[in-house]
Amino acid sequence: MAWVRRTAFSYTFNNADGTKRARRGLYWKKDTYREWFEWAKMSGKYPSDWGNLDDFEFEEWWKHEDYGFELFCEPAEREPLEVVQLIEDDKHIKYLRIDLTGDPKKLELMFKNFLKKNQQKPDLNSHARYQPLRHQTYLKLKAYARYRRTYVMREIEGKSRGDVIEDRTPVYPHQTTAQRETQIITIRKDEELLRSISREVQKAKLIIKCVEKGRFPF
């Protein structure tokens, strides 16, 4: 899959003993993982290293030392520029001798020229243990949340398609009870709306199959 350029969101967490975890990045927004968590918790089937989701709400699970963020973050990275004491053998690293008493303008120019000749393209692929199947730009979190609600009502609560349509139809300001009743009677018979509910259930089932394998959405 061809990814568009991504920016990592950098985070650090405190451990239970007060120490800090290494700062690491995420290529997807936190709300993406929140929705993934809700799907996994609803389905009841997910990778064993996620822990028992029935024991957690999202925020608690997210900050846990073994779950949440730890499952989705990128490996810790070294800063791209640092003062070193030992020379390491690494094909991606070059070592420069810099005279700190040199002309600052000349040093800056020489460094820029060095980067132009030697800089390599950054690795923008995710190396997280679990990764969404689509770039953040192409994720439709509101739609996935709607599919999840539809699935719960239809497949778990046993509600009708008309019930789902009524549930998502807003009550408009100044709408009388009679007007609301007429509106509901009409939309519950709308064939296109009824078919859309069926399509959402099918999409939800596809998402659940992926979630069970540690993937999201579909």
N, C-alpha and C. Protein backbone atom coordinates (compact mmCIF):
# COMPACT_ATOMS: atom_id res chain seq x y z
N MET A 1 0.85 -1.19 0.00
CA MET A 1 0.00 0.00 0.00
C MET A 1 0.88 1.24 0.00
N ALA A 2 0.50 2.21 -0.79
CA ALA A 2 1.26 3.46 -0.85
C ALA A 2 0.71 4.43 0.19
N TRP A 3 1.57 4.82 1.12
CA TRP A 3 1.15 5.73 2.18
C TRP A 3 1.47 7.17 1.80
N VAL A 4 0.59 8.09 2.17
CA VAL A 4 0.94 9.49 2.05
C VAL A 4 1.81 9.83 3.25
N ARG A 5 2.51 10.94 3.16
CA ARG A 5 3.45 11.30 4.22
C ARG A 5 2.72 11.46 5.56
N ARG A 6 3.33 10.96 6.63
CA ARG A 6 2.70 11.00 7.94
C ARG A 6 3.59 11.73 8.93
N THR A 7 2.95 12.27 9.94
CA THR A 7 3.66 12.90 11.04
C THR A 7 3.36 12.12 12.31
N ALA A 8 4.38 11.75 13.04
CA ALA A 8 4.19 10.98 14.26
C ALA A 8 3.83 11.91 15.41
N PHE A 9 2.82 11.49 16.20
CA PHE A 9 2.45 12.20 17.41
C PHE A 9 3.25 11.57 18.54
N SER A 10 4.03 12.36 19.26
CA SER A 10 4.96 11.84 20.26
C SER A 10 4.34 11.89 21.66
N TYR A 11 4.51 10.79 22.42
CA TYR A 11 3.93 10.70 23.76
C TYR A 11 4.93 10.05 24.72
N THR A 12 4.74 10.36 26.02
CA THR A 12 5.47 9.65 27.06
C THR A 12 4.51 9.42 28.22
N PHE A 13 4.69 8.31 28.94
CA PHE A 13 3.81 7.96 30.04
C PHE A 13 4.63 7.66 31.29
N ASN A 14 4.01 7.83 32.44
CA ASN A 14 4.62 7.44 33.70
C ASN A 14 4.25 5.99 34.03
N ASN A 15 5.21 5.25 34.54
CA ASN A 15 4.95 3.90 35.03
C ASN A 15 4.35 3.97 36.43
N ALA A 16 3.85 2.85 36.90
CA ALA A 16 3.24 2.81 38.22
C ALA A 16 4.24 3.15 39.32
N ASP A 17 5.53 2.86 39.09
CA ASP A 17 6.54 3.14 40.11
C ASP A 17 7.07 4.57 40.03
N GLY A 18 6.49 5.39 39.16
CA GLY A 18 6.90 6.78 39.05
C GLY A 18 7.94 7.06 37.99
N THR A 19 8.55 6.02 37.43
CA THR A 19 9.53 6.22 36.36
C THR A 19 8.79 6.55 35.06
N LYS A 20 9.54 7.14 34.13
CA LYS A 20 8.94 7.51 32.84
C LYS A 20 9.30 6.49 31.77
N ARG A 21 8.35 6.20 30.93
CA ARG A 21 8.63 5.35 29.77
C ARG A 21 9.31 6.19 28.69
N ALA A 22 10.01 5.51 27.82
CA ALA A 22 10.68 6.21 26.72
C ALA A 22 9.64 6.90 25.84
N ARG A 23 9.98 8.08 25.35
CA ARG A 23 9.07 8.80 24.46
C ARG A 23 9.00 8.08 23.12
N ARG A 24 7.78 7.83 22.68
CA ARG A 24 7.58 7.14 21.40
C ARG A 24 6.41 7.78 20.65
N GLY A 25 6.31 7.44 19.39
CA GLY A 25 5.33 8.11 18.54
C GLY A 25 4.20 7.22 18.08
N LEU A 26 3.12 7.86 17.61
CA LEU A 26 1.99 7.20 16.97
C LEU A 26 1.77 7.85 15.62
N TYR A 27 1.50 7.04 14.61
CA TYR A 27 1.21 7.58 13.29
C TYR A 27 -0.28 7.83 13.08
N TRP A 28 -1.11 7.29 13.99
CA TRP A 28 -2.55 7.49 13.90
C TRP A 28 -3.04 8.21 15.15
N LYS A 29 -4.14 8.91 15.04
CA LYS A 29 -4.68 9.67 16.16
C LYS A 29 -5.27 8.73 17.21
N LYS A 30 -5.28 9.21 18.44
CA LYS A 30 -5.75 8.41 19.57
C LYS A 30 -7.18 7.94 19.37
N ASP A 31 -8.03 8.75 18.77
CA ASP A 31 -9.43 8.37 18.56
C ASP A 31 -9.56 7.14 17.68
N THR A 32 -8.58 6.92 16.81
CA THR A 32 -8.59 5.72 15.97
C THR A 32 -8.49 4.48 16.85
N TYR A 33 -7.58 4.51 17.81
CA TYR A 33 -7.40 3.36 18.71
C TYR A 33 -8.57 3.21 19.67
N ARG A 34 -9.18 4.34 20.03
CA ARG A 34 -10.36 4.29 20.89
C ARG A 34 -11.49 3.53 20.19
N GLU A 35 -11.72 3.84 18.92
CA GLU A 35 -12.77 3.15 18.17
C GLU A 35 -12.43 1.68 17.98
N TRP A 36 -11.17 1.39 17.70
CA TRP A 36 -10.71 0.00 17.56
C TRP A 36 -10.97 -0.77 18.86
N PHE A 37 -10.66 -0.15 19.99
CA PHE A 37 -10.90 -0.76 21.30
C PHE A 37 -12.38 -1.09 21.49
N GLU A 38 -13.25 -0.16 21.12
CA GLU A 38 -14.68 -0.38 21.32
C GLU A 38 -15.19 -1.53 20.46
N TRP A 39 -14.67 -1.64 19.25
CA TRP A 39 -15.04 -2.78 18.39
C TRP A 39 -14.57 -4.10 19.00
N ALA A 40 -13.34 -4.12 19.47
CA ALA A 40 -12.79 -5.34 20.05
C ALA A 40 -13.56 -5.75 21.30
N LYS A 41 -13.87 -4.78 22.13
CA LYS A 41 -14.61 -5.06 23.37
C LYS A 41 -16.01 -5.57 23.04
N MET A 42 -16.64 -5.00 22.02
CA MET A 42 -17.98 -5.43 21.63
C MET A 42 -17.98 -6.86 21.09
N SER A 43 -16.98 -7.16 20.25
CA SER A 43 -16.94 -8.48 19.61
C SER A 43 -16.53 -9.58 20.59
N GLY A 44 -15.70 -9.21 21.57
CA GLY A 44 -15.24 -10.20 22.54
C GLY A 44 -14.13 -11.09 22.04
N LYS A 45 -13.67 -10.85 20.80
CA LYS A 45 -12.59 -11.64 20.23
C LYS A 45 -11.52 -10.70 19.71
N TYR A 46 -10.30 -10.89 20.21
CA TYR A 46 -9.19 -10.01 19.85
C TYR A 46 -7.90 -10.70 20.29
N PRO A 47 -6.74 -10.22 19.89
CA PRO A 47 -5.47 -10.87 20.26
C PRO A 47 -5.31 -10.96 21.78
N SER A 48 -4.73 -12.05 22.25
CA SER A 48 -4.60 -12.29 23.69
C SER A 48 -3.72 -11.26 24.39
N ASP A 49 -2.76 -10.66 23.65
CA ASP A 49 -1.87 -9.70 24.31
C ASP A 49 -2.54 -8.34 24.53
N TRP A 50 -3.83 -8.24 24.21
CA TRP A 50 -4.58 -7.03 24.52
C TRP A 50 -5.11 -7.04 25.95
N GLY A 51 -4.96 -8.16 26.65
CA GLY A 51 -5.51 -8.28 27.99
C GLY A 51 -6.99 -8.60 27.93
N ASN A 52 -7.66 -8.49 29.06
CA ASN A 52 -9.10 -8.73 29.13
C ASN A 52 -9.81 -7.38 29.08
N LEU A 53 -10.37 -7.04 27.94
CA LEU A 53 -10.96 -5.72 27.75
C LEU A 53 -12.17 -5.49 28.64
N ASP A 54 -12.79 -6.56 29.10
CA ASP A 54 -13.94 -6.40 30.01
C ASP A 54 -13.51 -5.78 31.33
N ASP A 55 -12.24 -5.81 31.63
CA ASP A 55 -11.74 -5.25 32.89
C ASP A 55 -11.41 -3.77 32.79
N PHE A 56 -11.53 -3.19 31.59
CA PHE A 56 -11.05 -1.82 31.39
C PHE A 56 -12.05 -0.94 30.66
N GLU A 57 -11.99 0.34 30.97
CA GLU A 57 -12.49 1.37 30.07
C GLU A 57 -11.29 1.84 29.26
N PHE A 58 -11.54 2.53 28.17
CA PHE A 58 -10.46 2.82 27.23
C PHE A 58 -9.28 3.54 27.87
N GLU A 59 -9.53 4.63 28.59
CA GLU A 59 -8.43 5.44 29.11
C GLU A 59 -7.53 4.64 30.04
N GLU A 60 -8.10 3.82 30.88
CA GLU A 60 -7.30 3.00 31.79
C GLU A 60 -6.47 1.99 31.00
N TRP A 61 -7.10 1.37 30.01
CA TRP A 61 -6.41 0.39 29.17
C TRP A 61 -5.30 1.06 28.36
N TRP A 62 -5.58 2.27 27.88
CA TRP A 62 -4.62 2.99 27.04
C TRP A 62 -3.32 3.28 27.80
N LYS A 63 -3.43 3.59 29.08
CA LYS A 63 -2.26 3.98 29.87
C LYS A 63 -1.58 2.80 30.55
N HIS A 64 -2.15 1.62 30.44
CA HIS A 64 -1.59 0.44 31.10
C HIS A 64 -0.19 0.14 30.55
N GLU A 65 0.69 -0.33 31.40
CA GLU A 65 2.08 -0.56 31.00
C GLU A 65 2.24 -1.68 29.98
N ASP A 66 1.24 -2.57 29.87
CA ASP A 66 1.34 -3.70 28.96
C ASP A 66 0.41 -3.61 27.75
N TYR A 67 -0.62 -2.77 27.83
CA TYR A 67 -1.64 -2.74 26.79
C TYR A 67 -1.71 -1.35 26.14
N GLY A 68 -2.85 -1.08 25.53
CA GLY A 68 -3.10 0.25 24.98
C GLY A 68 -1.97 0.81 24.13
N PHE A 69 -1.45 1.92 24.56
CA PHE A 69 -0.40 2.62 23.83
C PHE A 69 0.75 1.70 23.45
N GLU A 70 1.11 0.79 24.35
CA GLU A 70 2.25 -0.09 24.10
C GLU A 70 2.04 -1.00 22.89
N LEU A 71 0.80 -1.26 22.54
CA LEU A 71 0.50 -2.14 21.41
C LEU A 71 0.61 -1.42 20.07
N PHE A 72 0.48 -0.09 20.10
CA PHE A 72 0.36 0.66 18.86
C PHE A 72 1.50 1.63 18.59
N CYS A 73 2.34 1.87 19.58
CA CYS A 73 3.38 2.89 19.42
C CYS A 73 4.52 2.38 18.55
N GLU A 74 5.25 3.32 17.99
CA GLU A 74 6.44 2.99 17.22
C GLU A 74 7.60 2.69 18.17
N PRO A 75 8.59 1.93 17.73
CA PRO A 75 9.77 1.69 18.59
C PRO A 75 10.44 3.00 18.96
N ALA A 76 11.07 3.03 20.12
CA ALA A 76 11.78 4.24 20.57
C ALA A 76 12.88 4.58 19.56
N GLU A 77 13.03 5.86 19.28
CA GLU A 77 14.03 6.32 18.32
C GLU A 77 15.04 7.23 19.01
N ARG A 78 16.27 7.17 18.55
CA ARG A 78 17.29 8.10 19.04
C ARG A 78 17.07 9.46 18.39
N GLU A 79 17.50 10.50 19.08
CA GLU A 79 17.44 11.83 18.50
C GLU A 79 18.35 11.88 17.27
N PRO A 80 17.93 12.60 16.23
CA PRO A 80 18.73 12.62 15.00
C PRO A 80 20.07 13.34 15.15
N LEU A 81 20.22 14.14 16.21
CA LEU A 81 21.49 14.82 16.44
C LEU A 81 21.81 14.76 17.92
N GLU A 82 23.00 14.26 18.25
CA GLU A 82 23.42 14.17 19.64
C GLU A 82 24.94 14.16 19.73
N VAL A 83 25.44 14.54 20.88
CA VAL A 83 26.88 14.48 21.15
C VAL A 83 27.21 13.06 21.58
N VAL A 84 28.21 12.44 20.93
CA VAL A 84 28.55 11.04 21.23
C VAL A 84 29.97 10.94 21.78
N GLN A 85 30.18 9.91 22.56
CA GLN A 85 31.49 9.61 23.10
C GLN A 85 32.12 8.41 22.42
N LEU A 86 31.28 7.54 21.89
CA LEU A 86 31.76 6.32 21.23
C LEU A 86 31.28 6.31 19.78
N ILE A 87 32.13 5.82 18.89
CA ILE A 87 31.79 5.70 17.47
C ILE A 87 31.15 4.34 17.24
N GLU A 88 29.95 4.36 16.64
CA GLU A 88 29.23 3.12 16.37
C GLU A 88 29.22 2.84 14.87
N ASP A 89 29.14 1.57 14.54
CA ASP A 89 29.11 1.16 13.14
C ASP A 89 27.65 1.07 12.70
N ASP A 90 27.20 2.06 11.97
CA ASP A 90 25.81 2.10 11.51
C ASP A 90 25.78 2.77 10.16
N LYS A 91 25.20 2.10 9.17
CA LYS A 91 25.21 2.63 7.80
C LYS A 91 24.39 3.91 7.66
N HIS A 92 23.48 4.17 8.61
CA HIS A 92 22.64 5.35 8.52
C HIS A 92 23.24 6.56 9.25
N ILE A 93 24.39 6.37 9.89
CA ILE A 93 24.97 7.44 10.70
C ILE A 93 26.34 7.83 10.18
N LYS A 94 26.58 9.13 10.07
CA LYS A 94 27.89 9.66 9.70
C LYS A 94 28.42 10.49 10.87
N TYR A 95 29.74 10.54 11.01
CA TYR A 95 30.34 11.30 12.10
C TYR A 95 31.14 12.47 11.53
N LEU A 96 30.96 13.64 12.13
CA LEU A 96 31.63 14.85 11.68
C LEU A 96 32.55 15.39 12.78
N ARG A 97 33.64 15.94 12.37
CA ARG A 97 34.50 16.67 13.30
C ARG A 97 34.18 18.14 13.14
N ILE A 98 33.74 18.78 14.21
CA ILE A 98 33.32 20.18 14.16
C ILE A 98 34.20 21.01 15.07
N ASP A 99 34.81 22.02 14.50
CA ASP A 99 35.59 22.98 15.30
C ASP A 99 34.62 24.03 15.83
N LEU A 100 34.31 23.96 17.11
CA LEU A 100 33.31 24.86 17.69
C LEU A 100 33.77 26.31 17.73
N THR A 101 35.06 26.56 17.44
CA THR A 101 35.54 27.94 17.36
C THR A 101 35.50 28.46 15.93
N GLY A 102 35.01 27.63 14.99
CA GLY A 102 34.96 28.04 13.59
C GLY A 102 33.89 29.10 13.34
N ASP A 103 33.95 29.68 12.16
CA ASP A 103 32.98 30.70 11.75
C ASP A 103 31.59 30.07 11.69
N PRO A 104 30.63 30.55 12.50
CA PRO A 104 29.29 29.95 12.52
C PRO A 104 28.62 29.90 11.16
N LYS A 105 28.75 30.96 10.37
CA LYS A 105 28.12 30.98 9.05
C LYS A 105 28.70 29.91 8.14
N LYS A 106 30.03 29.76 8.22
CA LYS A 106 30.69 28.75 7.38
C LYS A 106 30.29 27.35 7.84
N LEU A 107 30.24 27.14 9.16
CA LEU A 107 29.82 25.84 9.68
C LEU A 107 28.40 25.50 9.23
N GLU A 108 27.51 26.48 9.29
CA GLU A 108 26.11 26.25 8.89
C GLU A 108 26.02 25.90 7.42
N LEU A 109 26.78 26.61 6.57
CA LEU A 109 26.77 26.35 5.14
C LEU A 109 27.33 24.96 4.84
N MET A 110 28.44 24.62 5.49
CA MET A 110 29.06 23.31 5.26
C MET A 110 28.13 22.18 5.69
N PHE A 111 27.42 22.41 6.82
CA PHE A 111 26.51 21.37 7.30
C PHE A 111 25.33 21.18 6.34
N LYS A 112 24.80 22.28 5.81
CA LYS A 112 23.70 22.19 4.85
C LYS A 112 24.15 21.47 3.58
N ASN A 113 25.33 21.76 3.11
CA ASN A 113 25.85 21.09 1.91
C ASN A 113 26.07 19.61 2.17
N PHE A 114 26.53 19.29 3.38
CA PHE A 114 26.74 17.89 3.74
C PHE A 114 25.40 17.14 3.70
N LEU A 115 24.35 17.74 4.26
CA LEU A 115 23.04 17.09 4.27
C LEU A 115 22.51 16.89 2.86
N LYS A 116 22.69 17.88 2.00
CA LYS A 116 22.21 17.76 0.63
C LYS A 116 22.83 16.57 -0.08
N LYS A 117 24.10 16.32 0.21
CA LYS A 117 24.81 15.24 -0.48
C LYS A 117 24.58 13.87 0.17
N ASN A 118 24.28 13.84 1.46
CA ASN A 118 24.29 12.57 2.18
C ASN A 118 22.97 12.15 2.83
N GLN A 119 22.03 13.08 2.97
CA GLN A 119 20.82 12.74 3.71
C GLN A 119 20.00 11.68 2.98
N GLN A 120 19.47 10.72 3.73
CA GLN A 120 18.65 9.65 3.19
C GLN A 120 17.18 9.91 3.53
N LYS A 121 16.30 9.32 2.76
CA LYS A 121 14.87 9.50 3.00
C LYS A 121 14.48 8.88 4.34
N PRO A 122 13.67 9.58 5.13
CA PRO A 122 13.25 9.01 6.41
C PRO A 122 12.31 7.83 6.20
N ASP A 123 12.35 6.89 7.13
CA ASP A 123 11.47 5.73 7.08
C ASP A 123 10.12 6.13 7.68
N LEU A 124 9.10 6.26 6.83
CA LEU A 124 7.79 6.68 7.30
C LEU A 124 6.81 5.52 7.41
N ASN A 125 7.32 4.29 7.31
CA ASN A 125 6.47 3.13 7.50
C ASN A 125 6.30 2.85 8.99
N SER A 126 5.13 2.39 9.36
CA SER A 126 4.88 2.07 10.76
C SER A 126 5.54 0.74 11.11
N HIS A 127 6.15 0.70 12.29
CA HIS A 127 6.74 -0.54 12.80
C HIS A 127 6.06 -0.94 14.11
N ALA A 128 4.86 -0.42 14.33
CA ALA A 128 4.11 -0.76 15.54
C ALA A 128 3.64 -2.21 15.47
N ARG A 129 3.40 -2.79 16.64
CA ARG A 129 2.95 -4.18 16.71
C ARG A 129 1.60 -4.35 15.99
N TYR A 130 0.68 -3.41 16.22
CA TYR A 130 -0.62 -3.42 15.56
C TYR A 130 -0.83 -2.08 14.87
N GLN A 131 -1.30 -2.14 13.62
CA GLN A 131 -1.45 -0.92 12.82
C GLN A 131 -2.81 -0.92 12.13
N PRO A 132 -3.48 0.23 12.09
CA PRO A 132 -4.69 0.32 11.27
C PRO A 132 -4.37 0.02 9.81
N LEU A 133 -5.36 -0.45 9.09
CA LEU A 133 -5.15 -0.87 7.71
C LEU A 133 -5.15 0.29 6.72
N ARG A 134 -5.54 1.47 7.19
CA ARG A 134 -5.59 2.63 6.29
C ARG A 134 -4.88 3.81 6.94
N HIS A 135 -4.41 4.70 6.09
CA HIS A 135 -3.83 5.94 6.57
C HIS A 135 -4.90 6.75 7.28
N GLN A 136 -4.50 7.57 8.24
CA GLN A 136 -5.45 8.36 9.02
C GLN A 136 -6.40 9.17 8.13
N THR A 137 -5.89 9.66 7.01
CA THR A 137 -6.69 10.47 6.10
C THR A 137 -7.92 9.72 5.59
N TYR A 138 -7.79 8.39 5.47
CA TYR A 138 -8.85 7.60 4.85
C TYR A 138 -9.71 6.84 5.85
N LEU A 139 -9.48 7.05 7.13
CA LEU A 139 -10.32 6.41 8.15
C LEU A 139 -11.58 7.25 8.38
N LYS A 140 -12.71 6.59 8.50
CA LYS A 140 -14.00 7.27 8.69
C LYS A 140 -14.55 6.85 10.05
N LEU A 141 -14.00 7.46 11.10
CA LEU A 141 -14.32 7.01 12.46
C LEU A 141 -15.79 7.20 12.81
N LYS A 142 -16.40 8.29 12.37
CA LYS A 142 -17.81 8.50 12.67
C LYS A 142 -18.68 7.43 12.01
N ALA A 143 -18.31 7.04 10.80
CA ALA A 143 -19.05 5.99 10.10
C ALA A 143 -18.88 4.65 10.82
N TYR A 144 -17.64 4.35 11.26
CA TYR A 144 -17.41 3.08 11.95
C TYR A 144 -18.18 3.02 13.25
N ALA A 145 -18.26 4.16 13.95
CA ALA A 145 -19.04 4.20 15.20
C ALA A 145 -20.53 3.98 14.90
N ARG A 146 -20.99 4.50 13.78
CA ARG A 146 -22.39 4.29 13.39
C ARG A 146 -22.65 2.83 13.06
N TYR A 147 -21.71 2.20 12.33
CA TYR A 147 -21.86 0.77 12.02
C TYR A 147 -21.92 -0.05 13.31
N ARG A 148 -21.09 0.33 14.27
CA ARG A 148 -21.03 -0.40 15.54
C ARG A 148 -22.36 -0.30 16.28
N ARG A 149 -22.91 0.91 16.33
CA ARG A 149 -24.21 1.11 16.97
C ARG A 149 -25.29 0.30 16.26
N THR A 150 -25.26 0.31 14.93
CA THR A 150 -26.24 -0.44 14.15
C THR A 150 -26.13 -1.93 14.44
N TYR A 151 -24.90 -2.44 14.48
CA TYR A 151 -24.69 -3.86 14.74
C TYR A 151 -25.21 -4.26 16.12
N VAL A 152 -24.93 -3.44 17.12
CA VAL A 152 -25.40 -3.74 18.48
C VAL A 152 -26.93 -3.81 18.51
N MET A 153 -27.58 -2.83 17.90
CA MET A 153 -29.04 -2.81 17.93
C MET A 153 -29.65 -3.98 17.17
N ARG A 154 -29.07 -4.30 16.01
CA ARG A 154 -29.65 -5.36 15.18
C ARG A 154 -29.26 -6.76 15.64
N GLU A 155 -27.97 -7.00 15.87
CA GLU A 155 -27.49 -8.35 16.10
C GLU A 155 -27.43 -8.74 17.58
N ILE A 156 -27.33 -7.78 18.46
CA ILE A 156 -27.21 -8.09 19.89
C ILE A 156 -28.53 -7.80 20.63
N GLU A 157 -29.12 -6.64 20.35
CA GLU A 157 -30.36 -6.28 21.02
C GLU A 157 -31.60 -6.78 20.29
N GLY A 158 -31.42 -7.21 19.05
CA GLY A 158 -32.54 -7.76 18.29
C GLY A 158 -33.55 -6.73 17.82
N LYS A 159 -33.15 -5.49 17.67
CA LYS A 159 -34.05 -4.44 17.22
C LYS A 159 -34.26 -4.54 15.70
N SER A 160 -35.35 -3.96 15.23
CA SER A 160 -35.65 -3.95 13.80
C SER A 160 -34.86 -2.85 13.09
N ARG A 161 -34.85 -2.92 11.77
CA ARG A 161 -34.19 -1.87 11.01
C ARG A 161 -34.89 -0.53 11.22
N GLY A 162 -36.20 -0.59 11.35
CA GLY A 162 -36.95 0.63 11.62
C GLY A 162 -36.57 1.25 12.95
N ASP A 163 -36.31 0.39 13.94
CA ASP A 163 -35.88 0.89 15.25
C ASP A 163 -34.55 1.64 15.14
N VAL A 164 -33.65 1.10 14.32
CA VAL A 164 -32.34 1.74 14.12
C VAL A 164 -32.52 3.10 13.47
N ILE A 165 -33.35 3.14 12.45
CA ILE A 165 -33.60 4.41 11.76
C ILE A 165 -34.19 5.44 12.72
N GLU A 166 -35.14 5.03 13.52
CA GLU A 166 -35.76 5.95 14.49
C GLU A 166 -34.74 6.42 15.51
N ASP A 167 -33.87 5.52 15.95
CA ASP A 167 -32.87 5.86 16.96
C ASP A 167 -31.94 6.96 16.49
N ARG A 168 -31.62 6.97 15.21
CA ARG A 168 -30.65 7.95 14.70
C ARG A 168 -31.30 9.19 14.11
N THR A 169 -32.61 9.24 14.12
CA THR A 169 -33.29 10.41 13.58
C THR A 169 -33.44 11.47 14.66
N PRO A 170 -32.85 12.64 14.46
CA PRO A 170 -32.90 13.67 15.50
C PRO A 170 -34.29 14.26 15.67
N VAL A 171 -34.57 14.72 16.87
CA VAL A 171 -35.80 15.46 17.13
C VAL A 171 -35.51 16.93 16.87
N TYR A 172 -36.27 17.53 15.97
CA TYR A 172 -35.99 18.91 15.57
C TYR A 172 -36.67 19.90 16.52
N PRO A 173 -36.06 21.06 16.70
CA PRO A 173 -36.66 22.08 17.57
C PRO A 173 -38.07 22.45 17.12
N HIS A 174 -38.94 22.67 18.09
CA HIS A 174 -40.32 23.09 17.84
C HIS A 174 -41.14 22.02 17.13
N GLN A 175 -40.65 20.80 17.03
CA GLN A 175 -41.40 19.72 16.39
C GLN A 175 -42.45 19.19 17.36
N THR A 176 -43.69 19.16 16.93
CA THR A 176 -44.76 18.68 17.79
C THR A 176 -44.74 17.16 17.86
N THR A 177 -45.43 16.62 18.84
CA THR A 177 -45.52 15.16 18.98
C THR A 177 -46.15 14.53 17.76
N ALA A 178 -47.20 15.18 17.24
CA ALA A 178 -47.89 14.65 16.05
C ALA A 178 -46.96 14.66 14.84
N GLN A 179 -46.20 15.73 14.69
CA GLN A 179 -45.26 15.82 13.56
C GLN A 179 -44.18 14.75 13.68
N ARG A 180 -43.70 14.53 14.89
CA ARG A 180 -42.67 13.51 15.11
C ARG A 180 -43.22 12.12 14.77
N GLU A 181 -44.42 11.83 15.19
CA GLU A 181 -45.02 10.53 14.92
C GLU A 181 -45.19 10.30 13.42
N THR A 182 -45.63 11.33 12.73
CA THR A 182 -45.78 11.23 11.27
C THR A 182 -44.43 11.01 10.59
N GLN A 183 -43.43 11.75 11.05
CA GLN A 183 -42.08 11.60 10.50
C GLN A 183 -41.57 10.18 10.69
N ILE A 184 -41.71 9.64 11.90
CA ILE A 184 -41.21 8.30 12.20
C ILE A 184 -41.91 7.24 11.38
N ILE A 185 -43.24 7.37 11.24
CA ILE A 185 -43.99 6.40 10.43
C ILE A 185 -43.46 6.38 9.00
N THR A 186 -43.15 7.57 8.48
CA THR A 186 -42.67 7.68 7.09
C THR A 186 -41.28 7.08 6.92
N ILE A 187 -40.35 7.47 7.80
CA ILE A 187 -38.97 7.01 7.60
C ILE A 187 -38.79 5.53 7.91
N ARG A 188 -39.65 4.97 8.76
CA ARG A 188 -39.54 3.54 9.06
C ARG A 188 -39.95 2.68 7.86
N LYS A 189 -40.62 3.30 6.90
CA LYS A 189 -41.04 2.57 5.69
C LYS A 189 -40.14 2.89 4.49
N ASP A 190 -39.15 3.74 4.68
CA ASP A 190 -38.29 4.15 3.57
C ASP A 190 -37.38 2.99 3.17
N GLU A 191 -37.59 2.45 1.99
CA GLU A 191 -36.86 1.26 1.54
C GLU A 191 -35.37 1.50 1.42
N GLU A 192 -34.98 2.67 0.96
CA GLU A 192 -33.56 2.96 0.82
C GLU A 192 -32.88 3.02 2.19
N LEU A 193 -33.54 3.64 3.15
CA LEU A 193 -32.99 3.68 4.50
C LEU A 193 -32.90 2.28 5.10
N LEU A 194 -33.91 1.47 4.87
CA LEU A 194 -33.90 0.10 5.38
C LEU A 194 -32.75 -0.70 4.78
N ARG A 195 -32.52 -0.52 3.48
CA ARG A 195 -31.41 -1.23 2.83
C ARG A 195 -30.06 -0.73 3.37
N SER A 196 -29.98 0.58 3.67
CA SER A 196 -28.71 1.12 4.19
C SER A 196 -28.37 0.50 5.55
N ILE A 197 -29.39 0.21 6.34
CA ILE A 197 -29.15 -0.44 7.64
C ILE A 197 -28.57 -1.84 7.42
N SER A 198 -29.10 -2.56 6.46
CA SER A 198 -28.58 -3.90 6.15
C SER A 198 -27.13 -3.83 5.69
N ARG A 199 -26.83 -2.83 4.87
CA ARG A 199 -25.46 -2.67 4.39
C ARG A 199 -24.51 -2.37 5.55
N GLU A 200 -24.96 -1.57 6.48
CA GLU A 200 -24.11 -1.23 7.63
C GLU A 200 -23.83 -2.46 8.49
N VAL A 201 -24.81 -3.33 8.64
CA VAL A 201 -24.59 -4.57 9.40
C VAL A 201 -23.54 -5.43 8.71
N GLN A 202 -23.59 -5.51 7.39
CA GLN A 202 -22.60 -6.30 6.66
C GLN A 202 -21.21 -5.70 6.80
N LYS A 203 -21.11 -4.39 6.75
CA LYS A 203 -19.80 -3.74 6.95
C LYS A 203 -19.29 -3.99 8.35
N ALA A 204 -20.20 -3.95 9.32
CA ALA A 204 -19.81 -4.21 10.71
C ALA A 204 -19.25 -5.62 10.86
N LYS A 205 -19.85 -6.57 10.19
CA LYS A 205 -19.36 -7.96 10.26
C LYS A 205 -17.96 -8.08 9.66
N LEU A 206 -17.69 -7.32 8.60
CA LEU A 206 -16.35 -7.32 8.02
C LEU A 206 -15.33 -6.74 9.00
N ILE A 207 -15.72 -5.66 9.67
CA ILE A 207 -14.82 -5.05 10.66
C ILE A 207 -14.54 -6.03 11.79
N ILE A 208 -15.57 -6.71 12.26
CA ILE A 208 -15.40 -7.66 13.37
C ILE A 208 -14.43 -8.78 12.99
N LYS A 209 -14.53 -9.27 11.77
CA LYS A 209 -13.61 -10.33 11.33
C LYS A 209 -12.17 -9.85 11.38
N CYS A 210 -11.95 -8.59 10.98
CA CYS A 210 -10.59 -8.04 11.02
C CYS A 210 -10.14 -7.81 12.46
N VAL A 211 -11.03 -7.28 13.29
CA VAL A 211 -10.69 -7.01 14.68
C VAL A 211 -10.26 -8.27 15.40
N GLU A 212 -10.90 -9.37 15.11
CA GLU A 212 -10.56 -10.64 15.74
C GLU A 212 -9.13 -11.06 15.42
N LYS A 213 -8.60 -10.57 14.29
CA LYS A 213 -7.24 -10.91 13.87
C LYS A 213 -6.25 -9.80 14.21
N GLY A 214 -6.70 -8.80 14.98
CA GLY A 214 -5.80 -7.70 15.34
C GLY A 214 -5.63 -6.69 14.24
N ARG A 215 -6.69 -6.50 13.42
CA ARG A 215 -6.62 -5.54 12.32
C ARG A 215 -7.85 -4.63 12.38
N PHE A 216 -7.74 -3.43 11.74
CA PHE A 216 -8.84 -2.47 11.78
C PHE A 216 -8.62 -1.41 10.71
N PRO A 217 -9.67 -0.97 10.00
CA PRO A 217 -11.04 -1.44 10.11
C PRO A 217 -11.32 -2.68 9.25
N PHE A 218 -11.27 -2.55 7.90
CA PHE A 218 -11.45 -3.70 7.01
C PHE A 218 -10.97 -3.31 5.63
